[in-house]
């Protein structure tokens, strides 16, 4: 098994685990959280490109996720590119 396939399997396992902890999370929402935690992607466009999904879908899921208190924080919005930068809140905050 290649290292890239192994990394993808690990990512998918972490996404599934996140969904197991919170059944309200969609696959994309769980992926956004895992990507931020692992430092893979911290903005909507990078996440969409890495996973090969439409940026508009990521923006919608990110918006829904940001409405939930304590899940993630929007740090910056680029109105020209529609890119949204986000981060996880510090541990222990809710």
C-alpha atoms as a PDB file:
ATOM      1  CA  UNK A   1       0.000   0.000   0.000  1.00  0.00           C
ATOM      2  CA  UNK A   2       1.384   3.414  -0.926  1.00  0.00           C
ATOM      3  CA  UNK A   3       1.902   6.142   1.630  1.00  0.00           C
ATOM      4  CA  UNK A   4      -0.684   8.321  -0.146  1.00  0.00           C
ATOM      5  CA  UNK A   5      -3.336   5.585   0.102  1.00  0.00           C
ATOM      6  CA  UNK A   6      -2.406   5.054   3.740  1.00  0.00           C
ATOM      7  CA  UNK A   7      -2.818   8.792   4.445  1.00  0.00           C
ATOM      8  CA  UNK A   8      -6.204   8.795   2.701  1.00  0.00           C
ATOM      9  CA  UNK A   9      -7.328   5.763   4.710  1.00  0.00           C
ATOM     10  CA  UNK A  10      -6.229   7.452   7.940  1.00  0.00           C
ATOM     11  CA  UNK A  11      -8.080  10.642   6.988  1.00  0.00           C
ATOM     12  CA  UNK A  12     -11.266   8.717   6.201  1.00  0.00           C
ATOM     13  CA  UNK A  13     -10.993   6.774   9.457  1.00  0.00           C
ATOM     14  CA  UNK A  14     -10.667  10.028  11.400  1.00  0.00           C
ATOM     15  CA  UNK A  15     -13.670  11.476   9.550  1.00  0.00           C
ATOM     16  CA  UNK A  16     -15.717   8.395  10.441  1.00  0.00           C
ATOM     17  CA  UNK A  17     -14.583   8.665  14.074  1.00  0.00           C
ATOM     18  CA  UNK A  18     -15.612  12.341  14.204  1.00  0.00           C
ATOM     19  CA  UNK A  19     -19.034  11.429  12.837  1.00  0.00           C
ATOM     20  CA  UNK A  20     -19.271   8.662  15.417  1.00  0.00           C
ATOM     21  CA  UNK A  21     -18.701  11.209  18.191  1.00  0.00           C
ATOM     22  CA  UNK A  22     -21.247  13.649  16.723  1.00  0.00           C
ATOM     23  CA  UNK A  23     -23.940  12.156  14.508  1.00  0.00           C
ATOM     24  CA  UNK A  24     -25.037  15.632  13.368  1.00  0.00           C
ATOM     25  CA  UNK A  25     -21.841  16.045  11.326  1.00  0.00           C
ATOM     26  CA  UNK A  26     -21.994  15.456   7.598  1.00  0.00           C
ATOM     27  CA  UNK A  27     -18.998  13.825   5.922  1.00  0.00           C
ATOM     28  CA  UNK A  28     -17.820  17.192   4.614  1.00  0.00           C
ATOM     29  CA  UNK A  29     -18.202  18.862   8.021  1.00  0.00           C
ATOM     30  CA  UNK A  30     -16.275  16.080   9.736  1.00  0.00           C
ATOM     31  CA  UNK A  31     -13.646  16.344   6.996  1.00  0.00           C
ATOM     32  CA  UNK A  32     -13.286  20.084   7.586  1.00  0.00           C
ATOM     33  CA  UNK A  33     -12.689  19.503  11.292  1.00  0.00           C
ATOM     34  CA  UNK A  34     -10.192  16.689  10.711  1.00  0.00           C
ATOM     35  CA  UNK A  35      -8.348  18.701   8.053  1.00  0.00           C
ATOM     36  CA  UNK A  36      -8.000  21.635  10.452  1.00  0.00           C
ATOM     37  CA  UNK A  37      -6.848  19.385  13.282  1.00  0.00           C
ATOM     38  CA  UNK A  38      -4.200  17.728  11.104  1.00  0.00           C
ATOM     39  CA  UNK A  39      -3.129  21.001   9.471  1.00  0.00           C
ATOM     40  CA  UNK A  40      -4.073  19.684   6.024  1.00  0.00           C
ATOM     41  CA  UNK A  41      -6.350  22.600   5.138  1.00  0.00           C
ATOM     42  CA  UNK A  42      -7.478  25.642   7.056  1.00  0.00           C
ATOM     43  CA  UNK A  43      -9.455  27.387   4.361  1.00  0.00           C
ATOM     44  CA  UNK A  44     -12.454  26.427   2.280  1.00  0.00           C
ATOM     45  CA  UNK A  45     -10.824  26.572  -1.159  1.00  0.00           C
ATOM     46  CA  UNK A  46      -7.795  24.465  -0.166  1.00  0.00           C
ATOM     47  CA  UNK A  47     -10.114  21.858   1.350  1.00  0.00           C
ATOM     48  CA  UNK A  48     -12.318  21.775  -1.753  1.00  0.00           C
ATOM     49  CA  UNK A  49      -9.295  21.410  -4.040  1.00  0.00           C
ATOM     50  CA  UNK A  50      -7.685  18.662  -1.956  1.00  0.00           C
ATOM     51  CA  UNK A  51     -10.860  16.601  -1.902  1.00  0.00           C
ATOM     52  CA  UNK A  52     -11.965  17.426  -5.432  1.00  0.00           C
ATOM     53  CA  UNK A  53     -15.355  18.783  -4.442  1.00  0.00           C
ATOM     54  CA  UNK A  54     -17.132  22.008  -5.357  1.00  0.00           C
ATOM     55  CA  UNK A  55     -16.105  25.021  -3.316  1.00  0.00           C
ATOM     56  CA  UNK A  56     -19.769  26.048  -3.018  1.00  0.00           C
ATOM     57  CA  UNK A  57     -20.556  22.780  -1.211  1.00  0.00           C
ATOM     58  CA  UNK A  58     -17.691  23.351   1.207  1.00  0.00           C
ATOM     59  CA  UNK A  59     -18.844  26.925   1.867  1.00  0.00           C
ATOM     60  CA  UNK A  60     -22.372  25.746   2.663  1.00  0.00           C
ATOM     61  CA  UNK A  61     -21.150  23.026   5.048  1.00  0.00           C
ATOM     62  CA  UNK A  62     -18.648  25.389   6.668  1.00  0.00           C
ATOM     63  CA  UNK A  63     -21.381  27.972   7.207  1.00  0.00           C
ATOM     64  CA  UNK A  64     -23.643  25.385   8.842  1.00  0.00           C
ATOM     65  CA  UNK A  65     -20.782  24.205  11.026  1.00  0.00           C
ATOM     66  CA  UNK A  66     -19.827  27.755  12.073  1.00  0.00           C
ATOM     67  CA  UNK A  67     -23.355  28.318  13.382  1.00  0.00           C
ATOM     68  CA  UNK A  68     -22.828  25.616  15.984  1.00  0.00           C
ATOM     69  CA  UNK A  69     -21.243  27.086  19.094  1.00  0.00           C
ATOM     70  CA  UNK A  70     -17.692  26.013  19.911  1.00  0.00           C
ATOM     71  CA  UNK A  71     -17.133  23.785  16.878  1.00  0.00           C
ATOM     72  CA  UNK A  72     -14.930  26.059  14.773  1.00  0.00           C
ATOM     73  CA  UNK A  73     -14.114  29.712  14.334  1.00  0.00           C
ATOM     74  CA  UNK A  74     -14.154  31.732  11.126  1.00  0.00           C
ATOM     75  CA  UNK A  75     -10.969  33.800  11.155  1.00  0.00           C
ATOM     76  CA  UNK A  76     -11.089  35.572   7.811  1.00  0.00           C
ATOM     77  CA  UNK A  77     -13.276  35.901   4.732  1.00  0.00           C
ATOM     78  CA  UNK A  78     -11.944  36.935   1.327  1.00  0.00           C
ATOM     79  CA  UNK A  79     -14.876  38.514  -0.506  1.00  0.00           C
ATOM     80  CA  UNK A  80     -13.087  38.458  -3.866  1.00  0.00           C
ATOM     81  CA  UNK A  81     -12.284  34.733  -3.905  1.00  0.00           C
ATOM     82  CA  UNK A  82     -15.029  33.634  -1.472  1.00  0.00           C
ATOM     83  CA  UNK A  83     -12.312  31.786   0.487  1.00  0.00           C
ATOM     84  CA  UNK A  84     -13.111  31.340   4.179  1.00  0.00           C
ATOM     85  CA  UNK A  85     -10.275  30.719   6.629  1.00  0.00           C
ATOM     86  CA  UNK A  86     -11.178  28.814   9.758  1.00  0.00           C
ATOM     87  CA  UNK A  87      -9.610  27.276  12.829  1.00  0.00           C
ATOM     88  CA  UNK A  88     -10.603  25.028  15.660  1.00  0.00           C
ATOM     89  CA  UNK A  89     -11.231  26.734  18.992  1.00  0.00           C
ATOM     90  CA  UNK A  90      -8.589  26.189  21.671  1.00  0.00           C
ATOM     91  CA  UNK A  91      -9.165  22.969  23.584  1.00  0.00           C
ATOM     92  CA  UNK A  92     -11.312  23.425  26.647  1.00  0.00           C
ATOM     93  CA  UNK A  93     -13.372  26.257  25.131  1.00  0.00           C
ATOM     94  CA  UNK A  94     -17.032  25.735  24.336  1.00  0.00           C
END
